[in-house]
Amino acid sequence: MSRHVYLDETKAMRYVLAAVSVDGRHVEALRQGIRILILPGQTSLHMRSESERRRKQILSAALQLVHDYAIEVSLYDAGVSDSETVRRNRCLRAIVAANAADRQIQLIFERDETLVRSDRQTLIEAIREANLSDHVRYSHVSRRQDQLLAMPDVFAWCWNRGGLWRKAVQGHLSGVHSLRR
Protein backbone atom coordinates (compact mmCIF):
# COMPACT_ATOMS: atom_id res chain seq x y z
CA MET A 1 0.00 0.00 0.00
CA SER A 2 1.29 3.44 -0.92
CA ARG A 3 1.11 6.28 1.63
CA HIS A 4 1.23 9.94 0.72
CA VAL A 5 2.49 12.18 3.50
CA TYR A 6 1.76 15.88 3.05
CA LEU A 7 4.02 18.21 5.02
CA ASP A 8 3.89 21.87 5.94
CA GLU A 9 5.29 23.90 8.78
CA THR A 10 4.45 26.92 10.80
CA LYS A 11 7.17 29.11 12.23
CA ALA A 12 5.04 31.49 14.25
CA MET A 13 6.03 31.22 17.92
CA ARG A 14 7.64 27.76 17.55
CA TYR A 15 8.64 25.47 14.71
CA VAL A 16 5.97 22.83 14.08
CA LEU A 17 5.92 20.54 11.07
CA ALA A 18 2.62 18.78 10.38
CA ALA A 19 2.57 15.42 8.59
CA VAL A 20 -0.76 14.32 7.13
CA SER A 21 -0.61 10.70 6.01
CA VAL A 22 -3.21 9.37 3.58
CA ASP A 23 -3.76 6.12 1.76
CA GLY A 24 -2.71 6.66 -1.86
CA ARG A 25 -6.06 5.26 -3.05
CA HIS A 26 -7.88 8.25 -1.52
CA VAL A 27 -5.73 11.11 -2.81
CA GLU A 28 -8.05 12.23 -5.62
CA ALA A 29 -11.18 12.14 -3.47
CA LEU A 30 -9.40 14.15 -0.79
CA ARG A 31 -8.19 16.72 -3.30
CA GLN A 32 -11.79 17.14 -4.42
CA GLY A 33 -12.82 17.65 -0.80
CA ILE A 34 -10.33 20.52 -0.54
CA ARG A 35 -11.07 21.99 -3.99
CA ILE A 36 -14.70 22.65 -3.06
CA LEU A 37 -13.46 24.95 -0.27
CA ILE A 38 -11.44 27.14 -2.62
CA LEU A 39 -13.35 30.33 -3.36
CA PRO A 40 -13.53 32.00 -6.77
CA GLY A 41 -10.34 34.02 -7.22
CA GLN A 42 -8.36 31.82 -4.82
CA THR A 43 -5.73 29.41 -6.10
CA SER A 44 -5.30 27.53 -2.82
CA LEU A 45 -6.14 27.55 0.89
CA HIS A 46 -3.86 28.98 3.55
CA MET A 47 -5.09 29.52 7.11
CA ARG A 48 -2.99 32.65 7.59
CA SER A 49 -4.85 34.35 4.73
CA GLU A 50 -8.39 33.39 5.72
CA SER A 51 -11.00 35.19 7.81
CA GLU A 52 -12.02 33.77 11.18
CA ARG A 53 -15.30 32.49 9.75
CA ARG A 54 -13.53 30.77 6.83
CA ARG A 55 -10.92 29.26 9.16
CA LYS A 56 -13.71 27.59 11.12
CA GLN A 57 -15.30 26.31 7.92
CA ILE A 58 -11.98 24.98 6.61
CA LEU A 59 -11.13 23.33 9.93
CA SER A 60 -14.54 21.67 10.10
CA ALA A 61 -14.11 20.27 6.58
CA ALA A 62 -10.54 19.10 7.34
CA LEU A 63 -11.68 17.30 10.49
CA GLN A 64 -14.47 15.61 8.54
CA LEU A 65 -11.96 14.42 5.91
CA VAL A 66 -9.70 13.05 8.66
CA HIS A 67 -12.64 11.09 10.03
CA ASP A 68 -14.03 9.90 6.68
CA TYR A 69 -10.71 8.74 5.24
CA ALA A 70 -8.86 7.57 8.38
CA ILE A 71 -6.16 10.17 7.83
CA GLU A 72 -3.28 10.18 10.30
CA VAL A 73 -2.06 13.59 11.44
CA SER A 74 1.19 13.89 13.36
CA LEU A 75 2.87 17.04 14.59
CA TYR A 76 6.61 17.43 15.06
CA ASP A 77 7.40 20.26 17.46
CA ALA A 78 11.02 21.41 17.29
CA GLY A 79 10.48 24.34 19.65
CA VAL A 80 12.25 27.68 19.44
CA SER A 81 15.93 26.97 20.09
CA ASP A 82 18.49 26.28 17.34
CA SER A 83 18.31 27.66 13.82
CA GLU A 84 15.27 27.07 11.65
CA THR A 85 17.32 24.76 9.42
CA VAL A 86 18.44 22.61 12.36
CA ARG A 87 14.87 22.38 13.68
CA ARG A 88 13.48 21.48 10.25
CA ASN A 89 16.16 18.84 9.69
CA ARG A 90 15.36 17.28 13.05
CA CYS A 91 11.69 17.08 11.99
CA LEU A 92 12.51 15.55 8.60
CA ARG A 93 14.66 12.84 10.16
CA ALA A 94 11.91 12.02 12.66
CA ILE A 95 9.31 11.79 9.87
CA VAL A 96 11.43 9.40 7.81
CA ALA A 97 12.01 7.24 10.91
CA ALA A 98 8.30 7.31 11.83
CA ASN A 99 7.31 6.09 8.36
CA ALA A 100 9.94 3.37 8.05
CA ALA A 101 7.38 0.60 8.56
CA ASP A 102 5.41 1.57 5.45
CA ARG A 103 6.80 -0.01 2.32
CA GLN A 104 6.05 2.80 -0.14
CA ILE A 105 5.97 6.42 0.98
CA GLN A 106 5.67 9.62 -0.99
CA LEU A 107 6.58 12.74 1.02
CA ILE A 108 5.06 15.91 -0.45
CA PHE A 109 6.39 19.24 0.80
CA GLU A 110 5.14 22.73 0.13
CA ARG A 111 7.79 24.20 -2.14
CA ASP A 112 10.01 26.85 -0.62
CA GLU A 113 13.03 27.43 -2.84
CA THR A 114 15.15 28.41 0.15
CA LEU A 115 14.62 24.95 1.70
CA VAL A 116 14.69 22.54 -1.24
CA ARG A 117 18.46 21.99 -1.31
CA SER A 118 18.78 21.50 2.45
CA ASP A 119 15.71 19.22 2.51
CA ARG A 120 17.15 17.05 -0.25
CA GLN A 121 20.45 16.61 1.57
CA THR A 122 18.77 15.79 4.88
CA LEU A 123 16.32 13.39 3.23
CA ILE A 124 19.03 11.58 1.27
CA GLU A 125 20.96 11.01 4.50
CA ALA A 126 17.91 10.01 6.57
CA ILE A 127 16.57 7.66 3.90
CA ARG A 128 19.97 6.03 3.44
CA GLU A 129 20.48 5.65 7.22
CA ALA A 130 17.04 3.99 7.53
CA ASN A 131 17.81 1.74 4.54
CA LEU A 132 14.69 2.98 2.74
CA SER A 133 16.16 4.10 -0.58
CA ASP A 134 13.80 1.89 -2.57
CA HIS A 135 10.73 2.86 -0.55
CA VAL A 136 10.68 6.61 0.02
CA ARG A 137 10.16 9.28 -2.62
CA TYR A 138 9.74 12.99 -2.06
CA SER A 139 8.80 16.11 -3.96
CA HIS A 140 8.44 19.82 -3.35
CA VAL A 141 5.33 21.31 -4.98
CA SER A 142 3.31 24.48 -4.68
CA ARG A 143 -0.07 24.61 -2.94
CA ARG A 144 -1.59 25.36 -6.34
CA GLN A 145 -0.19 22.10 -7.72
CA ASP A 146 -1.54 19.96 -4.91
CA GLN A 147 -4.47 21.22 -2.88
CA LEU A 148 -3.88 18.56 -0.21
CA LEU A 149 -1.04 20.71 1.14
CA ALA A 150 -3.86 22.67 2.79
CA MET A 151 -4.34 19.80 5.25
CA PRO A 152 -1.00 20.04 7.10
CA ASP A 153 -1.31 23.83 6.99
CA VAL A 154 -4.62 23.64 8.84
CA PHE A 155 -3.28 21.41 11.61
CA ALA A 156 0.04 23.20 12.07
CA TRP A 157 -1.70 26.59 12.15
CA CYS A 158 -4.32 25.47 14.68
CA TRP A 159 -1.74 23.84 16.93
CA ASN A 160 0.53 26.87 16.97
CA ARG A 161 -2.38 29.26 17.42
CA GLY A 162 -3.25 27.53 20.69
CA GLY A 163 -6.40 27.99 22.76
CA LEU A 164 -9.65 26.77 21.21
CA TRP A 165 -7.92 26.14 17.88
CA ARG A 166 -5.52 23.67 19.49
CA LYS A 167 -8.34 22.02 21.42
CA ALA A 168 -10.29 21.58 18.18
CA VAL A 169 -7.54 19.50 16.58
CA GLN A 170 -6.07 17.79 19.63
CA GLY A 171 -8.40 14.78 19.62
CA HIS A 172 -7.79 14.19 15.91
CA LEU A 173 -4.01 13.85 16.08
CA SER A 174 -2.17 10.55 15.82
CA GLY A 175 0.69 12.05 17.78
CA VAL A 176 2.58 15.13 18.87
CA HIS A 177 6.31 14.53 18.89
CA SER A 178 8.50 16.89 20.88
CA LEU A 179 11.88 17.26 19.21
CA ARG A 180 13.08 20.13 21.36
CA ARG A 181 16.61 20.06 22.72
C-alpha atoms as a PDB file:
ATOM      1  CA  MET A   1       0.000   0.000   0.000  1.00  0.00           C
ATOM      2  CA  SER A   2       1.286   3.442  -0.917  1.00  0.00           C
ATOM      3  CA  ARG A   3       1.113   6.280   1.633  1.00  0.00           C
ATOM      4  CA  HIS A   4       1.232   9.936   0.716  1.00  0.00           C
ATOM      5  CA  VAL A   5       2.493  12.176   3.500  1.00  0.00           C
ATOM      6  CA  TYR A   6       1.761  15.882   3.054  1.00  0.00           C
ATOM      7  CA  LEU A   7       4.023  18.213   5.017  1.00  0.00           C
ATOM      8  CA  ASP A   8       3.888  21.872   5.938  1.00  0.00           C
ATOM      9  CA  GLU A   9       5.291  23.905   8.780  1.00  0.00           C
ATOM     10  CA  THR A  10       4.449  26.923  10.800  1.00  0.00           C
ATOM     11  CA  LYS A  11       7.174  29.109  12.226  1.00  0.00           C
ATOM     12  CA  ALA A  12       5.042  31.485  14.252  1.00  0.00           C
ATOM     13  CA  MET A  13       6.031  31.220  17.925  1.00  0.00           C
ATOM     14  CA  ARG A  14       7.640  27.759  17.553  1.00  0.00           C
ATOM     15  CA  TYR A  15       8.640  25.473  14.707  1.00  0.00           C
ATOM     16  CA  VAL A  16       5.971  22.833  14.084  1.00  0.00           C
ATOM     17  CA  LEU A  17       5.922  20.536  11.070  1.00  0.00           C
ATOM     18  CA  ALA A  18       2.622  18.783  10.385  1.00  0.00           C
ATOM     19  CA  ALA A  19       2.570  15.423   8.589  1.00  0.00           C
ATOM     20  CA  VAL A  20      -0.764  14.324   7.132  1.00  0.00           C
ATOM     21  CA  SER A  21      -0.605  10.704   6.009  1.00  0.00           C
ATOM     22  CA  VAL A  22      -3.213   9.368   3.582  1.00  0.00           C
ATOM     23  CA  ASP A  23      -3.763   6.115   1.756  1.00  0.00           C
ATOM     24  CA  GLY A  24      -2.713   6.658  -1.858  1.00  0.00           C
ATOM     25  CA  ARG A  25      -6.058   5.265  -3.053  1.00  0.00           C
ATOM     26  CA  HIS A  26      -7.881   8.248  -1.517  1.00  0.00           C
ATOM     27  CA  VAL A  27      -5.728  11.109  -2.806  1.00  0.00           C
ATOM     28  CA  GLU A  28      -8.046  12.233  -5.619  1.00  0.00           C
ATOM     29  CA  ALA A  29     -11.176  12.135  -3.470  1.00  0.00           C
ATOM     30  CA  LEU A  30      -9.399  14.149  -0.786  1.00  0.00           C
ATOM     31  CA  ARG A  31      -8.193  16.717  -3.305  1.00  0.00           C
ATOM     32  CA  GLN A  32     -11.795  17.139  -4.422  1.00  0.00           C
ATOM     33  CA  GLY A  33     -12.819  17.647  -0.795  1.00  0.00           C
ATOM     34  CA  ILE A  34     -10.329  20.515  -0.536  1.00  0.00           C
ATOM     35  CA  ARG A  35     -11.073  21.993  -3.986  1.00  0.00           C
ATOM     36  CA  ILE A  36     -14.700  22.655  -3.062  1.00  0.00           C
ATOM     37  CA  LEU A  37     -13.460  24.945  -0.269  1.00  0.00           C
ATOM     38  CA  ILE A  38     -11.442  27.143  -2.621  1.00  0.00           C
ATOM     39  CA  LEU A  39     -13.348  30.330  -3.355  1.00  0.00           C
ATOM     40  CA  PRO A  40     -13.530  32.003  -6.767  1.00  0.00           C
ATOM     41  CA  GLY A  41     -10.344  34.022  -7.222  1.00  0.00           C
ATOM     42  CA  GLN A  42      -8.361  31.815  -4.821  1.00  0.00           C
ATOM     43  CA  THR A  43      -5.733  29.410  -6.104  1.00  0.00           C
ATOM     44  CA  SER A  44      -5.295  27.533  -2.819  1.00  0.00           C
ATOM     45  CA  LEU A  45      -6.139  27.554   0.889  1.00  0.00           C
ATOM     46  CA  HIS A  46      -3.855  28.977   3.554  1.00  0.00           C
ATOM     47  CA  MET A  47      -5.090  29.516   7.107  1.00  0.00           C
ATOM     48  CA  ARG A  48      -2.987  32.648   7.590  1.00  0.00           C
ATOM     49  CA  SER A  49      -4.849  34.355   4.734  1.00  0.00           C
ATOM     50  CA  GLU A  50      -8.392  33.388   5.716  1.00  0.00           C
ATOM     51  CA  SER A  51     -11.002  35.195   7.806  1.00  0.00           C
ATOM     52  CA  GLU A  52     -12.019  33.771  11.178  1.00  0.00           C
ATOM     53  CA  ARG A  53     -15.302  32.485   9.750  1.00  0.00           C
ATOM     54  CA  ARG A  54     -13.526  30.769   6.834  1.00  0.00           C
ATOM     55  CA  ARG A  55     -10.922  29.255   9.160  1.00  0.00           C
ATOM     56  CA  LYS A  56     -13.713  27.595  11.123  1.00  0.00           C
ATOM     57  CA  GLN A  57     -15.301  26.313   7.919  1.00  0.00           C
ATOM     58  CA  ILE A  58     -11.979  24.976   6.608  1.00  0.00           C
ATOM     59  CA  LEU A  59     -11.126  23.335   9.930  1.00  0.00           C
ATOM     60  CA  SER A  60     -14.539  21.672  10.103  1.00  0.00           C
ATOM     61  CA  ALA A  61     -14.105  20.272   6.582  1.00  0.00           C
ATOM     62  CA  ALA A  62     -10.541  19.095   7.345  1.00  0.00           C
ATOM     63  CA  LEU A  63     -11.683  17.299  10.494  1.00  0.00           C
ATOM     64  CA  GLN A  64     -14.473  15.609   8.538  1.00  0.00           C
ATOM     65  CA  LEU A  65     -11.960  14.416   5.915  1.00  0.00           C
ATOM     66  CA  VAL A  66      -9.700  13.050   8.663  1.00  0.00           C
ATOM     67  CA  HIS A  67     -12.644  11.085  10.028  1.00  0.00           C
ATOM     68  CA  ASP A  68     -14.031   9.899   6.683  1.00  0.00           C
ATOM     69  CA  TYR A  69     -10.707   8.742   5.241  1.00  0.00           C
ATOM     70  CA  ALA A  70      -8.864   7.571   8.381  1.00  0.00           C
ATOM     71  CA  ILE A  71      -6.155  10.167   7.828  1.00  0.00           C
ATOM     72  CA  GLU A  72      -3.285  10.184  10.299  1.00  0.00           C
ATOM     73  CA  VAL A  73      -2.065  13.586  11.442  1.00  0.00           C
ATOM     74  CA  SER A  74       1.191  13.891  13.362  1.00  0.00           C
ATOM     75  CA  LEU A  75       2.872  17.037  14.591  1.00  0.00           C
ATOM     76  CA  TYR A  76       6.608  17.428  15.064  1.00  0.00           C
ATOM     77  CA  ASP A  77       7.402  20.256  17.460  1.00  0.00           C
ATOM     78  CA  ALA A  78      11.022  21.413  17.285  1.00  0.00           C
ATOM     79  CA  GLY A  79      10.485  24.343  19.652  1.00  0.00           C
ATOM     80  CA  VAL A  80      12.249  27.676  19.439  1.00  0.00           C
ATOM     81  CA  SER A  81      15.931  26.972  20.087  1.00  0.00           C
ATOM     82  CA  ASP A  82      18.491  26.282  17.336  1.00  0.00           C
ATOM     83  CA  SER A  83      18.314  27.662  13.818  1.00  0.00           C
ATOM     84  CA  GLU A  84      15.266  27.068  11.651  1.00  0.00           C
ATOM     85  CA  THR A  85      17.317  24.763   9.416  1.00  0.00           C
ATOM     86  CA  VAL A  86      18.441  22.614  12.365  1.00  0.00           C
ATOM     87  CA  ARG A  87      14.874  22.378  13.677  1.00  0.00           C
ATOM     88  CA  ARG A  88      13.485  21.480  10.250  1.00  0.00           C
ATOM     89  CA  ASN A  89      16.161  18.844   9.688  1.00  0.00           C
ATOM     90  CA  ARG A  90      15.357  17.282  13.054  1.00  0.00           C
ATOM     91  CA  CYS A  91      11.688  17.077  11.994  1.00  0.00           C
ATOM     92  CA  LEU A  92      12.509  15.550   8.597  1.00  0.00           C
ATOM     93  CA  ARG A  93      14.663  12.841  10.157  1.00  0.00           C
ATOM     94  CA  ALA A  94      11.907  12.022  12.657  1.00  0.00           C
ATOM     95  CA  ILE A  95       9.308  11.795   9.870  1.00  0.00           C
ATOM     96  CA  VAL A  96      11.434   9.400   7.815  1.00  0.00           C
ATOM     97  CA  ALA A  97      12.005   7.244  10.912  1.00  0.00           C
ATOM     98  CA  ALA A  98       8.298   7.306  11.827  1.00  0.00           C
ATOM     99  CA  ASN A  99       7.308   6.094   8.357  1.00  0.00           C
ATOM    100  CA  ALA A 100       9.943   3.374   8.054  1.00  0.00           C
ATOM    101  CA  ALA A 101       7.376   0.598   8.563  1.00  0.00           C
ATOM    102  CA  ASP A 102       5.408   1.568   5.449  1.00  0.00           C
ATOM    103  CA  ARG A 103       6.803  -0.010   2.321  1.00  0.00           C
ATOM    104  CA  GLN A 104       6.045   2.800  -0.142  1.00  0.00           C
ATOM    105  CA  ILE A 105       5.973   6.422   0.984  1.00  0.00           C
ATOM    106  CA  GLN A 106       5.669   9.619  -0.995  1.00  0.00           C
ATOM    107  CA  LEU A 107       6.583  12.737   1.019  1.00  0.00           C
ATOM    108  CA  ILE A 108       5.056  15.914  -0.452  1.00  0.00           C
ATOM    109  CA  PHE A 109       6.386  19.238   0.796  1.00  0.00           C
ATOM    110  CA  GLU A 110       5.135  22.729   0.132  1.00  0.00           C
ATOM    111  CA  ARG A 111       7.787  24.200  -2.136  1.00  0.00           C
ATOM    112  CA  ASP A 112      10.012  26.848  -0.615  1.00  0.00           C
ATOM    113  CA  GLU A 113      13.028  27.431  -2.841  1.00  0.00           C
ATOM    114  CA  THR A 114      15.148  28.414   0.153  1.00  0.00           C
ATOM    115  CA  LEU A 115      14.624  24.954   1.705  1.00  0.00           C
ATOM    116  CA  VAL A 116      14.686  22.542  -1.237  1.00  0.00           C
ATOM    117  CA  ARG A 117      18.461  21.992  -1.312  1.00  0.00           C
ATOM    118  CA  SER A 118      18.781  21.504   2.451  1.00  0.00           C
ATOM    119  CA  ASP A 119      15.713  19.221   2.507  1.00  0.00           C
ATOM    120  CA  ARG A 120      17.153  17.051  -0.251  1.00  0.00           C
ATOM    121  CA  GLN A 121      20.453  16.612   1.570  1.00  0.00           C
ATOM    122  CA  THR A 122      18.772  15.786   4.884  1.00  0.00           C
ATOM    123  CA  LEU A 123      16.318  13.390   3.234  1.00  0.00           C
ATOM    124  CA  ILE A 124      19.031  11.584   1.269  1.00  0.00           C
ATOM    125  CA  GLU A 125      20.958  11.014   4.501  1.00  0.00           C
ATOM    126  CA  ALA A 126      17.913  10.013   6.568  1.00  0.00           C
ATOM    127  CA  ILE A 127      16.568   7.659   3.898  1.00  0.00           C
ATOM    128  CA  ARG A 128      19.970   6.031   3.438  1.00  0.00           C
ATOM    129  CA  GLU A 129      20.475   5.645   7.217  1.00  0.00           C
ATOM    130  CA  ALA A 130      17.045   3.986   7.531  1.00  0.00           C
ATOM    131  CA  ASN A 131      17.806   1.744   4.545  1.00  0.00           C
ATOM    132  CA  LEU A 132      14.691   2.976   2.741  1.00  0.00           C
ATOM    133  CA  SER A 133      16.165   4.105  -0.581  1.00  0.00           C
ATOM    134  CA  ASP A 134      13.796   1.894  -2.573  1.00  0.00           C
ATOM    135  CA  HIS A 135      10.730   2.856  -0.553  1.00  0.00           C
ATOM    136  CA  VAL A 136      10.681   6.614   0.016  1.00  0.00           C
ATOM    137  CA  ARG A 137      10.160   9.278  -2.620  1.00  0.00           C
ATOM    138  CA  TYR A 138       9.740  12.985  -2.058  1.00  0.00           C
ATOM    139  CA  SER A 139       8.796  16.106  -3.962  1.00  0.00           C
ATOM    140  CA  HIS A 140       8.437  19.823  -3.351  1.00  0.00           C
ATOM    141  CA  VAL A 141       5.331  21.310  -4.984  1.00  0.00           C
ATOM    142  CA  SER A 142       3.311  24.481  -4.685  1.00  0.00           C
ATOM    143  CA  ARG A 143      -0.069  24.607  -2.940  1.00  0.00           C
ATOM    144  CA  ARG A 144      -1.593  25.357  -6.342  1.00  0.00           C
ATOM    145  CA  GLN A 145      -0.187  22.098  -7.724  1.00  0.00           C
ATOM    146  CA  ASP A 146      -1.539  19.964  -4.908  1.00  0.00           C
ATOM    147  CA  GLN A 147      -4.470  21.219  -2.879  1.00  0.00           C
ATOM    148  CA  LEU A 148      -3.876  18.560  -0.209  1.00  0.00           C
ATOM    149  CA  LEU A 149      -1.042  20.710   1.140  1.00  0.00           C
ATOM    150  CA  ALA A 150      -3.856  22.669   2.791  1.00  0.00           C
ATOM    151  CA  MET A 151      -4.336  19.798   5.249  1.00  0.00           C
ATOM    152  CA  PRO A 152      -0.999  20.043   7.096  1.00  0.00           C
ATOM    153  CA  ASP A 153      -1.308  23.833   6.986  1.00  0.00           C
ATOM    154  CA  VAL A 154      -4.625  23.636   8.844  1.00  0.00           C
ATOM    155  CA  PHE A 155      -3.284  21.405  11.611  1.00  0.00           C
ATOM    156  CA  ALA A 156       0.043  23.199  12.069  1.00  0.00           C
ATOM    157  CA  TRP A 157      -1.697  26.594  12.152  1.00  0.00           C
ATOM    158  CA  CYS A 158      -4.318  25.468  14.685  1.00  0.00           C
ATOM    159  CA  TRP A 159      -1.737  23.844  16.928  1.00  0.00           C
ATOM    160  CA  ASN A 160       0.532  26.870  16.968  1.00  0.00           C
ATOM    161  CA  ARG A 161      -2.376  29.261  17.416  1.00  0.00           C
ATOM    162  CA  GLY A 162      -3.248  27.526  20.689  1.00  0.00           C
ATOM    163  CA  GLY A 163      -6.404  27.992  22.760  1.00  0.00           C
ATOM    164  CA  LEU A 164      -9.647  26.766  21.214  1.00  0.00           C
ATOM    165  CA  TRP A 165      -7.920  26.139  17.879  1.00  0.00           C
ATOM    166  CA  ARG A 166      -5.516  23.667  19.486  1.00  0.00           C
ATOM    167  CA  LYS A 167      -8.338  22.020  21.422  1.00  0.00           C
ATOM    168  CA  ALA A 168     -10.295  21.579  18.181  1.00  0.00           C
ATOM    169  CA  VAL A 169      -7.538  19.496  16.578  1.00  0.00           C
ATOM    170  CA  GLN A 170      -6.065  17.786  19.632  1.00  0.00           C
ATOM    171  CA  GLY A 171      -8.398  14.784  19.621  1.00  0.00           C
ATOM    172  CA  HIS A 172      -7.787  14.190  15.907  1.00  0.00           C
ATOM    173  CA  LEU A 173      -4.013  13.855  16.078  1.00  0.00           C
ATOM    174  CA  SER A 174      -2.170  10.554  15.817  1.00  0.00           C
ATOM    175  CA  GLY A 175       0.687  12.046  17.779  1.00  0.00           C
ATOM    176  CA  VAL A 176       2.581  15.133  18.868  1.00  0.00           C
ATOM    177  CA  HIS A 177       6.314  14.534  18.888  1.00  0.00           C
ATOM    178  CA  SER A 178       8.498  16.892  20.875  1.00  0.00           C
ATOM    179  CA  LEU A 179      11.883  17.260  19.205  1.00  0.00           C
ATOM    180  CA  ARG A 180      13.082  20.135  21.361  1.00  0.00           C
ATOM    181  CA  ARG A 181      16.611  20.058  22.719  1.00  0.00           C
END
